[in-house]
């Protein structure tokens, strides 16, 4: 038998006003069973829990609504609800992560990064280092030009024993420095990579090229000669050596 929605809702509200929590919730739950996607009803239940000081229960209902809004393509509404969650608990990490993703969808890059940083701070505070590290990597992907952040990520990856991931992050930073023609910075990052993987010919070549561009031809020649001697068939090293010799009139 279908319930009378208007009557049941009025009953739930009256019980709530009288402080009869269990009776009130029983009426609200009956309504939700009939229509689990009634976001207005779920928001009202969240508000009721908030008035009763049951913050966790309120957040649970608000979060369900925010997720529903996002699924239905109402990103701005979802943002508003997650902000309501953060008003109750500013350290609620899931809300910061969700907001970052929503802001990214809305092309609000700076807000996305800011929310992600808040989530990272919360995870670090709670001792969840690996999770914080993954978000740091995501933040680096959101803003490839933020070399300071990406270098920090690389060092943290290295500290966690994730050598290959760290080297990849360092290489991405070197590529960004090359893009903006910060040659001294390129050389510095290459040296750091070679401290981790001395055998990496690609980065030794990159270091040699940077040194050549900086006018450090002798240093560049030493690096490139080492590559050529170790890998005679590695043509990029021989080609760059030829450029150096030509520049020196040799």
Protein backbone atom coordinates (compact mmCIF):
# COMPACT_ATOMS: atom_id res chain seq x y z
CA UNK A 1 0.00 0.00 0.00
CA UNK A 2 1.39 3.37 -1.06
CA UNK A 3 1.97 5.86 1.71
CA UNK A 4 0.47 9.34 1.75
CA UNK A 5 3.61 11.43 1.08
CA UNK A 6 2.20 14.73 2.28
CA UNK A 7 0.81 13.23 5.47
CA UNK A 8 3.96 11.23 6.21
CA UNK A 9 6.21 14.25 5.64
CA UNK A 10 4.09 16.42 7.94
CA UNK A 11 4.26 13.69 10.56
CA UNK A 12 8.06 13.43 10.23
CA UNK A 13 8.43 17.19 10.67
CA UNK A 14 6.15 17.29 13.72
CA UNK A 15 8.07 14.49 15.39
CA UNK A 16 11.33 16.28 14.61
CA UNK A 17 10.08 19.53 16.19
CA UNK A 18 9.04 17.64 19.32
CA UNK A 19 12.44 15.95 19.55
CA UNK A 20 11.01 12.50 18.89
CA UNK A 21 13.97 11.53 16.76
CA UNK A 22 13.34 7.86 16.17
CA UNK A 23 9.72 8.39 15.18
CA UNK A 24 10.70 11.27 12.91
CA UNK A 25 13.43 9.25 11.19
CA UNK A 26 11.11 6.31 10.75
CA UNK A 27 8.74 8.54 8.76
CA UNK A 28 11.58 10.04 6.71
CA UNK A 29 13.01 6.60 5.94
CA UNK A 30 9.60 5.41 4.77
CA UNK A 31 9.51 8.30 2.34
CA UNK A 32 13.05 7.56 1.10
CA UNK A 33 12.18 3.93 0.46
CA UNK A 34 9.44 5.16 -1.82
CA UNK A 35 11.73 7.57 -3.69
CA UNK A 36 15.46 7.14 -2.91
CA UNK A 37 16.41 9.89 -5.39
CA UNK A 38 14.28 12.62 -3.84
CA UNK A 39 17.16 15.01 -3.23
CA UNK A 40 15.01 17.63 -1.52
CA UNK A 41 13.87 15.05 1.01
CA UNK A 42 17.42 13.82 1.60
CA UNK A 43 18.68 17.37 2.08
CA UNK A 44 15.90 17.94 4.61
CA UNK A 45 16.90 14.79 6.49
CA UNK A 46 20.49 16.03 6.50
CA UNK A 47 19.30 19.36 7.93
CA UNK A 48 17.39 17.53 10.64
CA UNK A 49 20.46 15.55 11.64
CA UNK A 50 22.47 18.76 11.65
CA UNK A 51 20.02 20.43 14.05
CA UNK A 52 20.26 17.41 16.32
CA UNK A 53 24.05 17.68 16.31
CA UNK A 54 24.49 14.39 14.43
CA UNK A 55 27.13 15.73 12.06
CA UNK A 56 28.24 12.41 10.57
CA UNK A 57 24.69 11.46 9.65
CA UNK A 58 24.08 14.88 8.15
CA UNK A 59 27.24 14.62 6.06
CA UNK A 60 26.27 11.15 4.84
CA UNK A 61 23.00 12.46 3.45
CA UNK A 62 24.53 15.61 1.96
CA UNK A 63 27.24 13.50 0.30
CA UNK A 64 24.60 11.26 -1.32
CA UNK A 65 22.89 14.33 -2.75
CA UNK A 66 26.16 15.80 -4.04
CA UNK A 67 27.03 12.52 -5.75
CA UNK A 68 23.56 12.34 -7.28
CA UNK A 69 23.83 15.88 -8.64
CA UNK A 70 27.17 15.07 -10.24
CA UNK A 71 25.82 11.88 -11.82
CA UNK A 72 22.95 13.85 -13.29
CA UNK A 73 25.26 16.54 -14.69
CA UNK A 74 24.43 19.28 -12.18
CA UNK A 75 28.04 20.10 -11.23
CA UNK A 76 27.31 23.56 -9.80
CA UNK A 77 24.64 22.12 -7.49
CA UNK A 78 27.05 19.40 -6.39
CA UNK A 79 29.64 22.06 -5.55
CA UNK A 80 27.12 23.89 -3.38
CA UNK A 81 26.27 20.74 -1.42
CA UNK A 82 29.91 19.77 -0.87
CA UNK A 83 30.50 23.28 0.46
CA UNK A 84 27.70 22.65 2.91
CA UNK A 85 29.58 19.53 4.03
CA UNK A 86 32.76 21.54 4.55
CA UNK A 87 30.86 24.05 6.65
CA UNK A 88 30.14 21.17 9.01
CA UNK A 89 33.60 19.61 8.78
CA UNK A 90 36.33 21.71 7.08
CA UNK A 91 38.72 18.73 7.28
CA UNK A 92 36.47 16.32 5.39
CA UNK A 93 38.96 15.07 2.82
CA UNK A 94 36.46 13.38 0.48
CA UNK A 95 34.66 16.69 0.04
CA UNK A 96 37.88 18.47 -0.95
CA UNK A 97 38.70 15.72 -3.47
CA UNK A 98 35.19 15.79 -4.93
CA UNK A 99 35.28 19.57 -5.19
CA UNK A 100 38.63 19.43 -6.98
CA UNK A 101 37.19 17.07 -9.59
CA UNK A 102 34.06 19.20 -10.00
CA UNK A 103 36.06 22.41 -10.37
CA UNK A 104 38.14 20.71 -13.03
CA UNK A 105 34.97 19.78 -14.92
CA UNK A 106 33.86 23.40 -14.63
CA UNK A 107 37.26 24.61 -15.96
CA UNK A 108 38.02 26.32 -12.64
CA UNK A 109 41.66 25.28 -12.51
CA UNK A 110 42.91 27.37 -9.60
CA UNK A 111 39.99 26.31 -7.39
CA UNK A 112 40.58 22.68 -8.36
CA UNK A 113 44.22 22.86 -7.30
CA UNK A 114 43.33 24.68 -4.09
CA UNK A 115 40.83 21.97 -3.12
CA UNK A 116 43.33 19.26 -3.95
CA UNK A 117 45.92 20.94 -1.74
CA UNK A 118 43.43 20.98 1.14
CA UNK A 119 42.86 17.25 0.65
CA UNK A 120 46.62 16.62 0.60
CA UNK A 121 47.07 18.58 3.81
CA UNK A 122 44.33 16.54 5.46
CA UNK A 123 45.80 13.21 4.39
CA UNK A 124 49.26 14.20 5.58
CA UNK A 125 47.78 15.31 8.88
CA UNK A 126 46.14 11.91 9.28
CA UNK A 127 49.34 10.06 8.41
CA UNK A 128 48.04 8.79 5.06
CA UNK A 129 51.28 9.52 3.20
CA UNK A 130 50.74 7.27 0.19
CA UNK A 131 47.27 8.67 -0.45
CA UNK A 132 48.62 12.23 -0.13
CA UNK A 133 51.35 11.37 -2.59
CA UNK A 134 48.88 10.14 -5.19
CA UNK A 135 46.98 13.42 -4.91
CA UNK A 136 50.23 15.36 -5.25
CA UNK A 137 50.85 13.52 -8.49
CA UNK A 138 47.36 14.39 -9.66
CA UNK A 139 47.99 18.03 -8.78
CA UNK A 140 51.15 17.96 -10.88
CA UNK A 141 49.13 16.65 -13.83
CA UNK A 142 46.56 19.42 -13.36
CA UNK A 143 49.26 22.07 -13.60
CA UNK A 144 52.34 20.80 -15.48
CA UNK A 145 53.93 24.25 -15.21
CA UNK A 146 54.08 23.99 -11.40
CA UNK A 147 57.63 22.65 -11.39
CA UNK A 148 58.16 23.25 -7.67
CA UNK A 149 55.23 21.01 -6.83
CA UNK A 150 56.31 18.33 -9.31
CA UNK A 151 59.87 18.29 -7.95
CA UNK A 152 58.42 17.78 -4.50
CA UNK A 153 56.36 14.90 -5.82
CA UNK A 154 59.43 13.33 -7.41
CA UNK A 155 61.42 13.52 -4.19
CA UNK A 156 58.54 12.04 -2.20
CA UNK A 157 58.21 9.20 -4.69
CA UNK A 158 61.90 8.53 -4.33
CA UNK A 159 61.60 8.52 -0.56
CA UNK A 160 58.81 5.96 -0.82
CA UNK A 161 61.03 3.69 -2.90
CA UNK A 162 59.11 4.31 -6.12
CA UNK A 163 62.23 4.89 -8.21
CA UNK A 164 60.76 4.52 -11.71
CA UNK A 165 57.85 6.84 -10.90
CA UNK A 166 60.22 9.39 -9.39
CA UNK A 167 62.45 9.38 -12.48
CA UNK A 168 59.41 9.82 -14.72
CA UNK A 169 58.31 12.82 -12.67
CA UNK A 170 61.80 14.34 -12.81
CA UNK A 171 61.81 13.87 -16.58
CA UNK A 172 58.48 15.66 -16.91
CA UNK A 173 59.91 18.58 -14.93
CA UNK A 174 63.01 18.65 -17.15
CA UNK A 175 60.76 18.72 -20.21
CA UNK A 176 58.84 21.69 -18.78
CA UNK A 177 62.09 23.53 -18.05
CA UNK A 178 63.17 22.88 -21.64
CA UNK A 179 59.88 24.28 -22.88
CA UNK A 180 60.44 27.56 -21.06
CA UNK A 181 64.17 27.51 -21.93
CA UNK A 182 65.32 27.40 -18.31
CA UNK A 183 68.52 25.61 -19.30
CA UNK A 184 70.33 25.78 -15.96
CA UNK A 185 67.27 24.22 -14.33
CA UNK A 186 67.27 21.49 -16.96
CA UNK A 187 70.89 20.67 -16.15
CA UNK A 188 70.10 20.59 -12.41
CA UNK A 189 67.22 18.17 -12.82
CA UNK A 190 69.27 15.95 -15.14
CA UNK A 191 72.02 15.72 -12.54
CA UNK A 192 69.42 14.70 -9.96
CA UNK A 193 68.08 12.01 -12.29
CA UNK A 194 71.59 10.68 -12.87
CA UNK A 195 72.12 10.42 -9.13
CA UNK A 196 69.22 7.97 -9.17
CA UNK A 197 69.91 6.23 -12.49
CA UNK A 198 73.53 6.87 -13.59
CA UNK A 199 73.10 4.53 -16.54
CA UNK A 200 70.28 6.55 -18.16
CA UNK A 201 71.71 7.59 -21.54
CA UNK A 202 68.68 9.69 -22.43
CA UNK A 203 69.20 11.99 -19.47
CA UNK A 204 72.97 12.04 -19.86
CA UNK A 205 72.34 13.23 -23.40
CA UNK A 206 69.91 15.84 -22.11
CA UNK A 207 72.52 17.01 -19.59
CA UNK A 208 75.17 17.21 -22.31
CA UNK A 209 72.86 19.28 -24.51
CA UNK A 210 72.09 21.64 -21.62
CA UNK A 211 75.78 22.05 -20.83
CA UNK A 212 76.51 22.81 -24.48
CA UNK A 213 73.75 25.43 -24.51
CA UNK A 214 75.21 26.96 -21.36
CA UNK A 215 78.61 27.25 -23.01
CA UNK A 216 80.12 24.42 -20.97
CA UNK A 217 81.44 22.60 -24.01
CA UNK A 218 84.20 20.70 -22.22
CA UNK A 219 81.76 19.27 -19.67
CA UNK A 220 79.28 18.42 -22.43
CA UNK A 221 81.99 16.69 -24.43
CA UNK A 222 82.99 14.53 -21.46
CA UNK A 223 79.41 13.43 -20.86
CA UNK A 224 78.75 12.66 -24.51
CA UNK A 225 82.05 10.84 -24.99
CA UNK A 226 81.16 8.58 -22.06
CA UNK A 227 77.82 7.79 -23.71
CA UNK A 228 79.45 7.11 -27.09
CA UNK A 229 82.11 4.87 -25.58
CA UNK A 230 79.51 2.87 -23.63
CA UNK A 231 76.97 2.76 -26.46
CA UNK A 232 78.69 3.30 -29.84
CA UNK A 233 75.41 2.81 -31.69
CA UNK A 234 73.58 5.53 -29.75
CA UNK A 235 73.47 8.04 -32.61
CA UNK A 236 72.07 11.10 -30.75
CA UNK A 237 75.24 11.30 -28.64
CA UNK A 238 77.50 11.17 -31.72
CA UNK A 239 75.38 13.77 -33.50
CA UNK A 240 75.60 16.20 -30.58
CA UNK A 241 79.34 15.59 -30.30
CA UNK A 242 79.62 16.54 -33.97
CA UNK A 243 77.79 19.80 -33.23
CA UNK A 244 80.20 20.57 -30.43
CA UNK A 245 83.23 19.85 -32.62
CA UNK A 246 81.81 22.02 -35.40
CA UNK A 247 81.18 24.89 -32.96
CA UNK A 248 84.80 24.61 -31.80
CA UNK A 249 86.12 24.50 -35.37
CA UNK A 250 87.43 20.98 -34.87
